[in-house]
């Protein structure tokens, strides 16, 4: 399957995850939701052990594997789960627009990807738009505390960016399902202790359970599997550019499924975020620490 198609499908699944997660955390504690999501992924990977075991460990990889797992799924899902208790699915989806620029900054320090003026200007516009989006976001049934929720979602994006850069470094030696299985193990173990501090519901909601199963299979196993495969074929910034589709899918699905609406000030903030992304896309890759660069296109091979 072409890497571009894998990325489109993955971003659609991730865009839908905000709605599914919103449904789930409205009924269950976020820690319980994420634990069940990770457990679902882990069980699914057990049935795919034939492909999970395809990896070649190299001395020193444990540092990247450990830090990558801590960033995502552990801290990422923790931040995002509590973010969606306080902000709307559509606002959280728009903040994902910051992801490509944050990845570019981390790639500069980790992969030695050279930063351009376009990236710096785009990063500034994106942050400004995100701040305005937070300030102009009113409280509602879908967003009782948008300032806190949007801040937590931004921290989740930082974790996701680190995950992407680390994944690119490891993708040559580890198969997509191997890294997803690692997510399932680390996420399950990380969120297990939280269950002792959350109130377990006396009754269960079938709709919330279905959404949790969807998150653990289609979104985590399917979405991350496709993304991990695509990232082994293209550069990290090329893959990151496709994450711009996530807020578009999220906004469309939120409007269709949740009936959420955005006011004029929020649309202006969103436009500023997208302006920052458009400026950042003028950046051309000139160097990657672990990849050759095509001299004709400026993109990593």
Foldseek 3Di string as FASTA:
>chain_A
DALVVLLLLLLLLLLCLLVLLLVQCVVFPLLVLLLLLLLLLLVVLVVVVVQLPQFDDDPPLVVLLVLLLCLPPNLLSVLLSVLQVAAASLLLQLLLLLQLLLLQVVQCVPFVWDDDVLSVQLNVLQVVLLVLLQVPDDADPRHNHSVSSSVSSNSSSNSVSSNLSSLLVRLVGGAQSNSLSSNSVSSNVNSVVVVVVTDDDPDDDPSSVVSSSCSNPCNSVSSSNSLSVSSPVFPSSVSSLSNSCSSVSNVVCCCVPVVDDDDPSNVVSSVSNVVSSVSNVVDATQGTNPFDADPVRSTTD
